[in-house]
Amino acid sequence: MSTLAAPFQTDPEYYALNHLLANTNLTNPFLRRSDSYASTVPDGCNLAFTIASVLPKCAYKEEWEPKERFTDAYISTQVQVLDYLSKHAADELTVAQAYFFTENAGTKPYGPTAKQAVEICYFMRSFGFDVYLKMAPREKKIRLFLADRNALTREQDHLYWEQNLKTGKIASLTRVTQAARRSRSRSRLQSRARAGRRGAVADIWEHARAAEAHGA
């Protein structure tokens, strides 16, 4: 039996990622790839902090994907991520820093392919960063999010990366943060509206019980 059988059966997020990376063309047509080396994690890397993730465990591991030649920029970004963790807790990650890591994973001046963006996201996830992927199939986009550790639902999570699957076009940090603010504002309004409806129903029942008690 394949060693991947268990993750496929028990981890929907890994299954979705594997399907995405295997069946979707995530290459950036404008990317110039350099001769590079196999991806490695430096030996003796001491992480300064360990925290519990607010996201479910994901069995995704970079080495399970087809062996590819990563660019020097991608490998350099991996080292930057580990260096960050030697000085900061994973929950100190900001949208701007997550964007910076992702942007640097690709060969300049073209930026990363969508696949590289996803891979660096889950490389970070494997080291405790609360980051994850959401697909937007109709728009042919990937969106990467930083989880809000203080929120009870994922609706309040912070968008930090958006990339078109077809063209490879990457949304600027300014555009991403503006879109994220609008999305969170809509989520808050929807939450208040739902709370208002629940309150109205509760009031109706309260009045009904009061009327019934008065009639008795």
N, C-alpha and C. Protein backbone atom coordinates (compact mmCIF):
# COMPACT_ATOMS: atom_id res chain seq x y z
N MET A 1 0.85 -1.20 0.00
CA MET A 1 0.00 0.00 0.00
C MET A 1 0.88 1.24 0.00
N SER A 2 0.45 2.24 -0.71
CA SER A 2 1.23 3.48 -0.79
C SER A 2 1.32 4.14 0.57
N THR A 3 2.46 4.78 0.85
CA THR A 3 2.63 5.52 2.09
C THR A 3 1.74 6.74 2.15
N LEU A 4 1.15 7.13 1.02
CA LEU A 4 0.29 8.31 0.99
C LEU A 4 -1.16 7.95 1.27
N ALA A 5 -1.47 6.67 1.47
CA ALA A 5 -2.86 6.26 1.62
C ALA A 5 -3.51 6.90 2.83
N ALA A 6 -2.81 6.87 3.98
CA ALA A 6 -3.40 7.41 5.20
C ALA A 6 -3.72 8.90 5.09
N PRO A 7 -2.78 9.75 4.66
CA PRO A 7 -3.11 11.17 4.50
C PRO A 7 -4.28 11.40 3.54
N PHE A 8 -4.33 10.64 2.46
CA PHE A 8 -5.43 10.82 1.51
C PHE A 8 -6.76 10.52 2.18
N GLN A 9 -6.80 9.51 3.04
CA GLN A 9 -8.05 9.09 3.65
C GLN A 9 -8.47 9.99 4.80
N THR A 10 -7.51 10.53 5.54
CA THR A 10 -7.83 11.22 6.78
C THR A 10 -7.65 12.72 6.74
N ASP A 11 -7.07 13.24 5.70
CA ASP A 11 -6.75 14.67 5.65
C ASP A 11 -7.30 15.29 4.37
N PRO A 12 -8.52 15.84 4.42
CA PRO A 12 -9.11 16.43 3.22
C PRO A 12 -8.28 17.57 2.64
N GLU A 13 -7.63 18.35 3.51
CA GLU A 13 -6.84 19.48 3.03
C GLU A 13 -5.65 18.98 2.21
N TYR A 14 -4.99 17.93 2.69
CA TYR A 14 -3.88 17.39 1.92
C TYR A 14 -4.38 16.81 0.60
N TYR A 15 -5.52 16.13 0.64
CA TYR A 15 -6.08 15.55 -0.59
C TYR A 15 -6.32 16.65 -1.62
N ALA A 16 -6.91 17.77 -1.17
CA ALA A 16 -7.20 18.88 -2.08
C ALA A 16 -5.91 19.46 -2.64
N LEU A 17 -4.90 19.60 -1.79
CA LEU A 17 -3.62 20.15 -2.24
C LEU A 17 -2.95 19.23 -3.26
N ASN A 18 -2.96 17.94 -2.96
CA ASN A 18 -2.33 17.00 -3.87
C ASN A 18 -3.02 17.02 -5.22
N HIS A 19 -4.35 17.08 -5.20
CA HIS A 19 -5.11 17.13 -6.45
C HIS A 19 -4.80 18.41 -7.22
N LEU A 20 -4.71 19.53 -6.48
CA LEU A 20 -4.40 20.82 -7.11
C LEU A 20 -3.03 20.79 -7.77
N LEU A 21 -2.04 20.35 -7.03
CA LEU A 21 -0.67 20.39 -7.54
C LEU A 21 -0.45 19.38 -8.66
N ALA A 22 -1.22 18.30 -8.65
CA ALA A 22 -1.04 17.26 -9.66
C ALA A 22 -1.81 17.56 -10.95
N ASN A 23 -2.95 18.26 -10.83
CA ASN A 23 -3.85 18.36 -11.97
C ASN A 23 -4.06 19.78 -12.50
N THR A 24 -3.50 20.77 -11.83
CA THR A 24 -3.70 22.15 -12.26
C THR A 24 -2.38 22.73 -12.75
N ASN A 25 -2.42 23.40 -13.89
CA ASN A 25 -1.22 24.04 -14.41
C ASN A 25 -0.98 25.33 -13.63
N LEU A 26 -0.04 25.30 -12.70
CA LEU A 26 0.22 26.45 -11.86
C LEU A 26 1.49 27.19 -12.26
N THR A 27 1.97 26.92 -13.45
CA THR A 27 3.21 27.58 -13.87
C THR A 27 2.94 29.01 -14.29
N ASN A 28 3.93 29.85 -14.08
CA ASN A 28 3.86 31.24 -14.50
C ASN A 28 4.55 31.34 -15.86
N PRO A 29 3.82 31.69 -16.93
CA PRO A 29 4.44 31.71 -18.26
C PRO A 29 5.55 32.73 -18.40
N PHE A 30 5.64 33.66 -17.46
CA PHE A 30 6.66 34.70 -17.56
C PHE A 30 7.88 34.40 -16.69
N LEU A 31 7.87 33.24 -16.04
CA LEU A 31 8.95 32.92 -15.11
C LEU A 31 10.17 32.39 -15.85
N ARG A 32 11.32 32.90 -15.48
CA ARG A 32 12.59 32.34 -15.98
C ARG A 32 13.19 31.52 -14.86
N ARG A 33 13.28 30.22 -15.06
CA ARG A 33 13.81 29.35 -14.02
C ARG A 33 15.32 29.17 -14.21
N SER A 34 16.03 29.24 -13.12
CA SER A 34 17.48 29.05 -13.17
C SER A 34 17.81 27.61 -12.79
N ASP A 35 18.98 27.15 -13.18
CA ASP A 35 19.43 25.86 -12.68
C ASP A 35 19.60 25.99 -11.18
N SER A 36 19.12 25.00 -10.46
CA SER A 36 19.11 25.14 -9.02
C SER A 36 19.42 23.81 -8.35
N TYR A 37 19.04 23.70 -7.10
CA TYR A 37 19.39 22.53 -6.30
C TYR A 37 18.13 21.96 -5.68
N ALA A 38 18.23 20.77 -5.16
CA ALA A 38 17.10 20.18 -4.46
C ALA A 38 16.81 20.99 -3.20
N SER A 39 15.52 21.08 -2.84
CA SER A 39 15.13 21.83 -1.66
C SER A 39 15.67 21.16 -0.40
N THR A 40 16.25 21.96 0.48
CA THR A 40 16.79 21.41 1.72
C THR A 40 16.45 22.32 2.88
N VAL A 41 16.40 21.74 4.07
CA VAL A 41 16.25 22.50 5.30
C VAL A 41 17.58 22.45 6.02
N PRO A 42 18.14 23.60 6.39
CA PRO A 42 19.46 23.60 7.02
C PRO A 42 19.49 22.76 8.28
N ASP A 43 20.56 21.98 8.46
CA ASP A 43 20.73 21.19 9.67
C ASP A 43 21.01 22.11 10.85
N GLY A 44 20.59 21.67 12.03
CA GLY A 44 20.90 22.43 13.24
C GLY A 44 20.10 23.70 13.37
N CYS A 45 18.95 23.78 12.72
CA CYS A 45 18.12 24.98 12.82
C CYS A 45 17.37 24.95 14.15
N ASN A 46 17.63 25.92 15.01
CA ASN A 46 16.99 25.98 16.32
C ASN A 46 15.88 27.01 16.29
N LEU A 47 14.64 26.54 16.46
CA LEU A 47 13.50 27.45 16.46
C LEU A 47 13.33 28.02 17.86
N ALA A 48 13.12 29.34 17.93
CA ALA A 48 13.08 30.02 19.22
C ALA A 48 11.79 29.77 19.98
N PHE A 49 10.68 29.57 19.28
CA PHE A 49 9.39 29.47 19.93
C PHE A 49 8.58 28.32 19.33
N THR A 50 7.75 27.72 20.14
CA THR A 50 6.81 26.71 19.66
C THR A 50 5.43 27.05 20.20
N ILE A 51 4.43 27.12 19.33
CA ILE A 51 3.07 27.44 19.75
C ILE A 51 2.12 26.44 19.10
N ALA A 52 0.91 26.37 19.66
CA ALA A 52 -0.11 25.49 19.11
C ALA A 52 -0.82 26.21 17.97
N SER A 53 -1.02 25.51 16.87
CA SER A 53 -1.70 26.09 15.72
C SER A 53 -3.21 26.13 15.96
N VAL A 54 -3.88 27.13 15.41
CA VAL A 54 -5.34 27.19 15.49
C VAL A 54 -5.97 26.45 14.32
N LEU A 55 -5.16 25.99 13.37
CA LEU A 55 -5.66 25.26 12.20
C LEU A 55 -5.51 23.77 12.43
N PRO A 56 -6.35 22.97 11.77
CA PRO A 56 -6.20 21.52 11.90
C PRO A 56 -4.87 21.07 11.30
N LYS A 57 -4.37 19.98 11.81
CA LYS A 57 -3.11 19.46 11.30
C LYS A 57 -3.25 19.05 9.84
N CYS A 58 -2.27 19.41 9.05
CA CYS A 58 -2.28 19.05 7.63
C CYS A 58 -1.08 18.15 7.36
N ALA A 59 -1.33 17.01 6.71
CA ALA A 59 -0.26 16.03 6.48
C ALA A 59 0.62 16.38 5.30
N TYR A 60 0.33 17.51 4.63
CA TYR A 60 1.11 17.89 3.45
C TYR A 60 2.58 18.03 3.80
N LYS A 61 3.43 17.41 3.00
CA LYS A 61 4.87 17.59 3.14
C LYS A 61 5.46 17.80 1.76
N GLU A 62 6.35 18.77 1.70
CA GLU A 62 6.91 19.14 0.41
C GLU A 62 7.56 17.96 -0.31
N GLU A 63 8.21 17.08 0.46
CA GLU A 63 8.94 15.99 -0.18
C GLU A 63 8.02 14.95 -0.79
N TRP A 64 6.71 15.01 -0.50
CA TRP A 64 5.79 14.06 -1.10
C TRP A 64 5.42 14.45 -2.53
N GLU A 65 5.67 15.69 -2.88
CA GLU A 65 5.36 16.13 -4.24
C GLU A 65 6.45 15.64 -5.20
N PRO A 66 6.17 15.64 -6.50
CA PRO A 66 7.20 15.22 -7.46
C PRO A 66 8.49 16.01 -7.26
N LYS A 67 9.60 15.34 -7.33
CA LYS A 67 10.89 15.99 -7.12
C LYS A 67 11.14 17.01 -8.23
N GLU A 68 11.21 18.26 -7.85
CA GLU A 68 11.42 19.31 -8.82
C GLU A 68 12.69 20.07 -8.48
N ARG A 69 13.15 20.82 -9.43
CA ARG A 69 14.29 21.70 -9.19
C ARG A 69 13.75 23.05 -8.75
N PHE A 70 13.89 23.36 -7.48
CA PHE A 70 13.46 24.65 -6.99
C PHE A 70 14.49 25.71 -7.36
N THR A 71 14.01 26.92 -7.54
CA THR A 71 14.92 28.01 -7.86
C THR A 71 15.74 28.37 -6.63
N ASP A 72 16.85 29.05 -6.88
CA ASP A 72 17.67 29.53 -5.76
C ASP A 72 16.85 30.46 -4.87
N ALA A 73 15.98 31.27 -5.49
CA ALA A 73 15.16 32.21 -4.72
C ALA A 73 14.23 31.46 -3.77
N TYR A 74 13.67 30.35 -4.24
CA TYR A 74 12.76 29.57 -3.40
C TYR A 74 13.50 29.00 -2.19
N ILE A 75 14.67 28.44 -2.44
CA ILE A 75 15.46 27.88 -1.34
C ILE A 75 15.88 28.98 -0.37
N SER A 76 16.24 30.14 -0.90
CA SER A 76 16.62 31.27 -0.06
C SER A 76 15.45 31.69 0.83
N THR A 77 14.23 31.65 0.28
CA THR A 77 13.06 32.01 1.07
C THR A 77 12.83 31.02 2.19
N GLN A 78 13.04 29.73 1.93
CA GLN A 78 12.93 28.74 2.99
C GLN A 78 13.87 29.08 4.15
N VAL A 79 15.09 29.46 3.81
CA VAL A 79 16.06 29.83 4.83
C VAL A 79 15.60 31.08 5.59
N GLN A 80 15.01 32.06 4.87
CA GLN A 80 14.50 33.27 5.51
C GLN A 80 13.38 32.94 6.50
N VAL A 81 12.51 32.01 6.11
CA VAL A 81 11.41 31.59 6.99
C VAL A 81 11.96 30.99 8.28
N LEU A 82 12.95 30.11 8.15
CA LEU A 82 13.53 29.48 9.33
C LEU A 82 14.30 30.48 10.18
N ASP A 83 14.96 31.43 9.52
CA ASP A 83 15.66 32.48 10.26
C ASP A 83 14.67 33.34 11.04
N TYR A 84 13.52 33.63 10.43
CA TYR A 84 12.46 34.39 11.12
C TYR A 84 12.02 33.65 12.38
N LEU A 85 11.83 32.33 12.25
CA LEU A 85 11.38 31.54 13.39
C LEU A 85 12.42 31.43 14.50
N SER A 86 13.67 31.69 14.17
CA SER A 86 14.71 31.66 15.21
C SER A 86 14.67 32.91 16.07
N LYS A 87 13.91 33.91 15.63
CA LYS A 87 13.85 35.19 16.35
C LYS A 87 12.44 35.57 16.79
N HIS A 88 11.42 34.96 16.16
CA HIS A 88 10.04 35.35 16.43
C HIS A 88 9.16 34.12 16.61
N ALA A 89 8.08 34.30 17.36
CA ALA A 89 7.06 33.24 17.43
C ALA A 89 6.27 33.22 16.13
N ALA A 90 5.78 32.05 15.76
CA ALA A 90 5.04 31.92 14.51
C ALA A 90 3.80 32.79 14.50
N ASP A 91 3.19 33.02 15.68
CA ASP A 91 1.96 33.83 15.71
C ASP A 91 2.24 35.33 15.61
N GLU A 92 3.50 35.71 15.46
CA GLU A 92 3.83 37.12 15.22
C GLU A 92 3.82 37.46 13.74
N LEU A 93 3.62 36.46 12.90
CA LEU A 93 3.62 36.69 11.45
C LEU A 93 2.54 37.69 11.06
N THR A 94 2.90 38.66 10.23
CA THR A 94 1.95 39.65 9.73
C THR A 94 1.63 39.37 8.27
N VAL A 95 0.59 40.02 7.78
CA VAL A 95 0.22 39.90 6.37
C VAL A 95 1.38 40.35 5.49
N ALA A 96 1.99 41.48 5.85
CA ALA A 96 3.09 42.02 5.05
C ALA A 96 4.27 41.05 5.00
N GLN A 97 4.59 40.43 6.15
CA GLN A 97 5.71 39.50 6.18
C GLN A 97 5.40 38.24 5.38
N ALA A 98 4.17 37.74 5.48
CA ALA A 98 3.76 36.56 4.70
C ALA A 98 3.83 36.86 3.21
N TYR A 99 3.40 38.06 2.83
CA TYR A 99 3.47 38.48 1.42
C TYR A 99 4.93 38.54 0.97
N PHE A 100 5.78 39.08 1.82
CA PHE A 100 7.20 39.21 1.50
C PHE A 100 7.83 37.84 1.26
N PHE A 101 7.55 36.89 2.15
CA PHE A 101 8.09 35.54 1.97
C PHE A 101 7.63 34.94 0.64
N THR A 102 6.34 35.08 0.36
CA THR A 102 5.77 34.48 -0.85
C THR A 102 6.33 35.14 -2.10
N GLU A 103 6.40 36.45 -2.09
CA GLU A 103 6.92 37.19 -3.23
C GLU A 103 8.36 36.80 -3.53
N ASN A 104 9.14 36.60 -2.49
CA ASN A 104 10.56 36.28 -2.66
C ASN A 104 10.81 34.84 -3.09
N ALA A 105 9.78 34.01 -3.08
CA ALA A 105 9.96 32.60 -3.44
C ALA A 105 10.15 32.40 -4.94
N GLY A 106 9.88 33.43 -5.72
CA GLY A 106 10.01 33.32 -7.17
C GLY A 106 11.21 34.08 -7.69
N THR A 107 11.60 33.75 -8.91
CA THR A 107 12.73 34.41 -9.54
C THR A 107 12.37 35.84 -9.91
N LYS A 108 13.12 36.80 -9.41
CA LYS A 108 12.86 38.21 -9.73
C LYS A 108 13.21 38.46 -11.19
N PRO A 109 12.52 39.37 -11.89
CA PRO A 109 11.48 40.25 -11.37
C PRO A 109 10.07 39.69 -11.54
N TYR A 110 9.93 38.39 -11.79
CA TYR A 110 8.64 37.86 -12.17
C TYR A 110 7.80 37.33 -11.01
N GLY A 111 8.41 37.09 -9.88
CA GLY A 111 7.64 36.55 -8.77
C GLY A 111 7.45 35.05 -8.89
N PRO A 112 6.80 34.44 -7.88
CA PRO A 112 6.65 32.99 -7.87
C PRO A 112 5.55 32.52 -8.81
N THR A 113 5.63 31.25 -9.20
CA THR A 113 4.49 30.62 -9.84
C THR A 113 3.44 30.38 -8.76
N ALA A 114 2.21 30.12 -9.20
CA ALA A 114 1.16 29.81 -8.22
C ALA A 114 1.52 28.57 -7.42
N LYS A 115 2.15 27.61 -8.08
CA LYS A 115 2.55 26.39 -7.37
C LYS A 115 3.59 26.70 -6.31
N GLN A 116 4.57 27.55 -6.64
CA GLN A 116 5.57 27.92 -5.64
C GLN A 116 4.93 28.65 -4.47
N ALA A 117 3.95 29.51 -4.76
CA ALA A 117 3.26 30.24 -3.70
C ALA A 117 2.56 29.28 -2.75
N VAL A 118 1.91 28.26 -3.32
CA VAL A 118 1.23 27.26 -2.49
C VAL A 118 2.25 26.45 -1.70
N GLU A 119 3.34 26.07 -2.35
CA GLU A 119 4.34 25.24 -1.68
C GLU A 119 5.02 25.98 -0.54
N ILE A 120 5.34 27.27 -0.73
CA ILE A 120 5.98 28.00 0.37
C ILE A 120 4.98 28.22 1.50
N CYS A 121 3.70 28.37 1.15
CA CYS A 121 2.65 28.49 2.16
C CYS A 121 2.65 27.27 3.07
N TYR A 122 2.66 26.08 2.47
CA TYR A 122 2.58 24.87 3.28
C TYR A 122 3.92 24.45 3.86
N PHE A 123 5.01 24.95 3.31
CA PHE A 123 6.30 24.82 3.99
C PHE A 123 6.22 25.60 5.30
N MET A 124 5.67 26.82 5.24
CA MET A 124 5.50 27.63 6.44
C MET A 124 4.53 26.95 7.42
N ARG A 125 3.45 26.41 6.89
CA ARG A 125 2.46 25.73 7.73
C ARG A 125 3.11 24.58 8.51
N SER A 126 4.03 23.87 7.86
CA SER A 126 4.67 22.73 8.52
C SER A 126 5.55 23.15 9.68
N PHE A 127 5.88 24.45 9.76
CA PHE A 127 6.69 24.96 10.86
C PHE A 127 5.86 25.80 11.83
N GLY A 128 4.54 25.67 11.79
CA GLY A 128 3.70 26.28 12.80
C GLY A 128 3.01 27.57 12.42
N PHE A 129 3.26 28.10 11.22
CA PHE A 129 2.55 29.30 10.80
C PHE A 129 1.11 28.94 10.43
N ASP A 130 0.16 29.76 10.85
CA ASP A 130 -1.26 29.50 10.58
C ASP A 130 -1.65 30.07 9.22
N VAL A 131 -1.18 29.45 8.18
CA VAL A 131 -1.46 29.90 6.81
C VAL A 131 -2.08 28.75 6.03
N TYR A 132 -2.92 29.10 5.05
CA TYR A 132 -3.58 28.05 4.28
C TYR A 132 -4.09 28.60 2.95
N LEU A 133 -4.50 27.68 2.11
CA LEU A 133 -4.95 27.99 0.75
C LEU A 133 -6.47 27.91 0.64
N LYS A 134 -7.04 28.85 -0.12
CA LYS A 134 -8.43 28.74 -0.57
C LYS A 134 -8.43 28.90 -2.09
N MET A 135 -9.12 28.01 -2.76
CA MET A 135 -9.24 28.09 -4.21
C MET A 135 -10.47 28.91 -4.58
N ALA A 136 -10.35 29.64 -5.68
CA ALA A 136 -11.49 30.35 -6.27
C ALA A 136 -11.61 29.87 -7.71
N PRO A 137 -12.20 28.66 -7.91
CA PRO A 137 -12.19 28.04 -9.25
C PRO A 137 -12.85 28.89 -10.33
N ARG A 138 -13.96 29.53 -10.00
CA ARG A 138 -14.65 30.32 -11.02
C ARG A 138 -13.80 31.49 -11.49
N GLU A 139 -13.05 32.07 -10.56
CA GLU A 139 -12.19 33.20 -10.91
C GLU A 139 -10.80 32.74 -11.35
N LYS A 140 -10.56 31.43 -11.26
CA LYS A 140 -9.25 30.86 -11.61
C LYS A 140 -8.14 31.54 -10.82
N LYS A 141 -8.32 31.58 -9.50
CA LYS A 141 -7.34 32.21 -8.62
C LYS A 141 -7.05 31.32 -7.42
N ILE A 142 -5.86 31.52 -6.87
CA ILE A 142 -5.58 30.98 -5.54
C ILE A 142 -5.53 32.16 -4.58
N ARG A 143 -5.96 31.91 -3.35
CA ARG A 143 -5.87 32.91 -2.30
C ARG A 143 -5.25 32.25 -1.08
N LEU A 144 -4.26 32.92 -0.51
CA LEU A 144 -3.59 32.42 0.68
C LEU A 144 -3.96 33.29 1.87
N PHE A 145 -4.25 32.65 2.99
CA PHE A 145 -4.75 33.35 4.17
C PHE A 145 -3.87 33.10 5.39
N LEU A 146 -3.83 34.12 6.24
CA LEU A 146 -3.22 34.02 7.56
C LEU A 146 -4.36 33.98 8.57
N ALA A 147 -4.44 32.91 9.35
CA ALA A 147 -5.55 32.73 10.28
C ALA A 147 -5.50 33.76 11.40
N ASP A 148 -6.67 34.26 11.78
CA ASP A 148 -6.81 35.16 12.92
C ASP A 148 -6.96 34.29 14.17
N ARG A 149 -5.98 34.32 15.03
CA ARG A 149 -5.98 33.44 16.21
C ARG A 149 -7.05 33.84 17.22
N ASN A 150 -7.58 35.04 17.12
CA ASN A 150 -8.58 35.50 18.08
C ASN A 150 -10.01 35.30 17.59
N ALA A 151 -10.16 34.80 16.37
CA ALA A 151 -11.49 34.62 15.79
C ALA A 151 -11.97 33.19 16.00
N LEU A 152 -13.29 33.05 16.14
CA LEU A 152 -13.88 31.73 16.33
C LEU A 152 -14.17 31.04 15.01
N THR A 153 -14.24 31.82 13.93
CA THR A 153 -14.48 31.26 12.60
C THR A 153 -13.39 31.74 11.65
N ARG A 154 -13.30 31.10 10.52
CA ARG A 154 -12.28 31.45 9.53
C ARG A 154 -12.71 32.63 8.66
N GLU A 155 -13.90 33.16 8.89
CA GLU A 155 -14.38 34.29 8.10
C GLU A 155 -13.55 35.54 8.33
N GLN A 156 -12.91 35.63 9.49
CA GLN A 156 -12.14 36.83 9.84
C GLN A 156 -10.66 36.71 9.49
N ASP A 157 -10.26 35.63 8.84
CA ASP A 157 -8.85 35.44 8.51
C ASP A 157 -8.37 36.47 7.49
N HIS A 158 -7.06 36.66 7.45
CA HIS A 158 -6.47 37.75 6.68
C HIS A 158 -5.90 37.25 5.34
N LEU A 159 -6.44 37.75 4.27
CA LEU A 159 -5.90 37.46 2.94
C LEU A 159 -4.51 38.10 2.82
N TYR A 160 -3.52 37.31 2.38
CA TYR A 160 -2.20 37.91 2.19
C TYR A 160 -1.63 37.68 0.79
N TRP A 161 -2.28 36.82 -0.01
CA TRP A 161 -1.75 36.57 -1.36
C TRP A 161 -2.89 36.17 -2.28
N GLU A 162 -2.91 36.76 -3.47
CA GLU A 162 -3.91 36.38 -4.49
C GLU A 162 -3.20 36.32 -5.83
N GLN A 163 -3.41 35.22 -6.56
CA GLN A 163 -2.71 35.03 -7.83
C GLN A 163 -3.62 34.34 -8.84
N ASN A 164 -3.59 34.85 -10.07
CA ASN A 164 -4.38 34.28 -11.15
C ASN A 164 -3.71 33.01 -11.67
N LEU A 165 -4.46 31.92 -11.74
CA LEU A 165 -3.90 30.65 -12.18
C LEU A 165 -3.55 30.64 -13.65
N LYS A 166 -4.32 31.39 -14.44
CA LYS A 166 -4.14 31.35 -15.89
C LYS A 166 -2.98 32.23 -16.35
N THR A 167 -2.93 33.45 -15.81
CA THR A 167 -1.92 34.41 -16.26
C THR A 167 -0.70 34.50 -15.34
N GLY A 168 -0.85 34.02 -14.11
CA GLY A 168 0.24 34.16 -13.14
C GLY A 168 0.27 35.53 -12.48
N LYS A 169 -0.68 36.42 -12.84
CA LYS A 169 -0.68 37.78 -12.29
C LYS A 169 -0.89 37.75 -10.78
N ILE A 170 -0.11 38.57 -10.09
CA ILE A 170 -0.12 38.63 -8.63
C ILE A 170 -0.70 39.97 -8.18
N ALA A 171 -1.66 39.94 -7.26
CA ALA A 171 -2.22 41.17 -6.72
C ALA A 171 -1.20 41.84 -5.81
N SER A 172 -1.13 43.16 -5.87
CA SER A 172 -0.19 43.91 -5.03
C SER A 172 -0.60 43.80 -3.57
N LEU A 173 0.35 44.06 -2.67
CA LEU A 173 0.06 44.00 -1.24
C LEU A 173 -1.03 45.00 -0.87
N THR A 174 -0.98 46.19 -1.46
CA THR A 174 -2.00 47.21 -1.17
C THR A 174 -3.39 46.71 -1.56
N ARG A 175 -3.49 46.13 -2.75
CA ARG A 175 -4.78 45.63 -3.21
C ARG A 175 -5.27 44.47 -2.33
N VAL A 176 -4.35 43.61 -1.95
CA VAL A 176 -4.71 42.47 -1.11
C VAL A 176 -5.24 42.93 0.24
N THR A 177 -4.55 43.88 0.88
CA THR A 177 -4.99 44.34 2.19
C THR A 177 -6.31 45.09 2.11
N GLN A 178 -6.52 45.85 1.05
CA GLN A 178 -7.80 46.54 0.87
C GLN A 178 -8.93 45.54 0.69
N ALA A 179 -8.70 44.52 -0.13
CA ALA A 179 -9.72 43.49 -0.34
C ALA A 179 -10.02 42.74 0.95
N ALA A 180 -8.97 42.49 1.74
CA ALA A 180 -9.16 41.78 3.00
C ALA A 180 -9.99 42.60 3.97
N ARG A 181 -9.74 43.92 4.02
CA ARG A 181 -10.53 44.77 4.92
C ARG A 181 -12.00 44.78 4.51
N ARG A 182 -12.26 44.86 3.20
CA ARG A 182 -13.65 44.85 2.73
C ARG A 182 -14.33 43.52 3.08
N SER A 183 -13.61 42.43 2.90
CA SER A 183 -14.17 41.11 3.19
C SER A 183 -14.49 40.96 4.67
N ARG A 184 -13.59 41.42 5.54
CA ARG A 184 -13.84 41.31 6.98
C ARG A 184 -14.99 42.21 7.40
N SER A 185 -15.12 43.38 6.77
CA SER A 185 -16.24 44.27 7.08
C SER A 185 -17.56 43.61 6.72
N ARG A 186 -17.60 42.96 5.53
CA ARG A 186 -18.82 42.25 5.13
C ARG A 186 -19.14 41.12 6.10
N SER A 187 -18.10 40.41 6.54
CA SER A 187 -18.31 39.30 7.47
C SER A 187 -18.87 39.79 8.79
N ARG A 188 -18.34 40.93 9.28
CA ARG A 188 -18.84 41.48 10.53
C ARG A 188 -20.29 41.90 10.40
N LEU A 189 -20.63 42.55 9.27
CA LEU A 189 -22.02 42.96 9.06
C LEU A 189 -22.95 41.76 8.98
N GLN A 190 -22.51 40.71 8.30
CA GLN A 190 -23.32 39.50 8.19
C GLN A 190 -23.50 38.85 9.56
N SER A 191 -22.44 38.85 10.36
CA SER A 191 -22.52 38.27 11.70
C SER A 191 -23.50 39.05 12.57
N ARG A 192 -23.44 40.39 12.46
CA ARG A 192 -24.37 41.21 13.24
C ARG A 192 -25.80 40.99 12.78
N ALA A 193 -25.98 40.84 11.46
CA ALA A 193 -27.33 40.61 10.94
C ALA A 193 -27.88 39.29 11.45
N ARG A 194 -27.03 38.25 11.45
CA ARG A 194 -27.48 36.95 11.96
C ARG A 194 -27.80 37.03 13.44
N ALA A 195 -26.96 37.77 14.19
CA ALA A 195 -27.21 37.93 15.62
C ALA A 195 -28.52 38.68 15.85
N GLY A 196 -28.78 39.69 15.00
CA GLY A 196 -30.02 40.44 15.11
C GLY A 196 -31.23 39.57 14.86
N ARG A 197 -31.14 38.70 13.85
CA ARG A 197 -32.26 37.80 13.55
C ARG A 197 -32.49 36.82 14.69
N ARG A 198 -31.40 36.31 15.27
CA ARG A 198 -31.55 35.39 16.40
C ARG A 198 -32.19 36.09 17.58
N GLY A 199 -31.78 37.37 17.79
CA GLY A 199 -32.35 38.14 18.88
C GLY A 199 -33.83 38.39 18.68
N ALA A 200 -34.21 38.67 17.43
CA ALA A 200 -35.62 38.92 17.12
C ALA A 200 -36.45 37.68 17.37
N VAL A 201 -35.95 36.52 16.98
CA VAL A 201 -36.66 35.26 17.22
C VAL A 201 -36.81 35.01 18.71
N ALA A 202 -35.74 35.29 19.46
CA ALA A 202 -35.79 35.10 20.91
C ALA A 202 -36.83 36.01 21.54
N ASP A 203 -36.92 37.25 21.06
CA ASP A 203 -37.91 38.19 21.58
C ASP A 203 -39.32 37.70 21.30
N ILE A 204 -39.53 37.17 20.10
CA ILE A 204 -40.86 36.67 19.74
C ILE A 204 -41.28 35.54 20.69
N TRP A 205 -40.35 34.62 20.95
CA TRP A 205 -40.65 33.51 21.85
C TRP A 205 -40.89 34.02 23.28
N GLU A 206 -40.12 35.01 23.69
CA GLU A 206 -40.28 35.56 25.03
C GLU A 206 -41.65 36.20 25.19
N HIS A 207 -42.06 36.97 24.17
CA HIS A 207 -43.38 37.60 24.21
C HIS A 207 -44.48 36.54 24.20
N ALA A 208 -44.28 35.49 23.42
CA ALA A 208 -45.29 34.43 23.34
C ALA A 208 -45.44 33.73 24.69
N ARG A 209 -44.31 33.45 25.35
CA ARG A 209 -44.38 32.80 26.66
C ARG A 209 -45.04 33.71 27.69
N ALA A 210 -44.71 35.02 27.60
CA ALA A 210 -45.31 35.97 28.55
C ALA A 210 -46.82 36.05 28.35
N ALA A 211 -47.24 36.08 27.07
CA ALA A 211 -48.68 36.14 26.79
C ALA A 211 -49.38 34.88 27.27
N GLU A 212 -48.73 33.73 27.08
CA GLU A 212 -49.31 32.47 27.51
C GLU A 212 -49.45 32.43 29.03
N ALA A 213 -48.41 32.92 29.73
CA ALA A 213 -48.45 32.94 31.19
C ALA A 213 -49.53 33.89 31.69
N HIS A 214 -49.67 35.03 31.02
CA HIS A 214 -50.68 36.02 31.42
C HIS A 214 -52.08 35.46 31.22
N GLY A 215 -52.27 34.72 30.11
CA GLY A 215 -53.58 34.14 29.81
C GLY A 215 -53.96 33.06 30.80
N ALA A 216 -52.94 32.34 31.29
CA ALA A 216 -53.22 31.29 32.26
C ALA A 216 -53.65 31.89 33.60
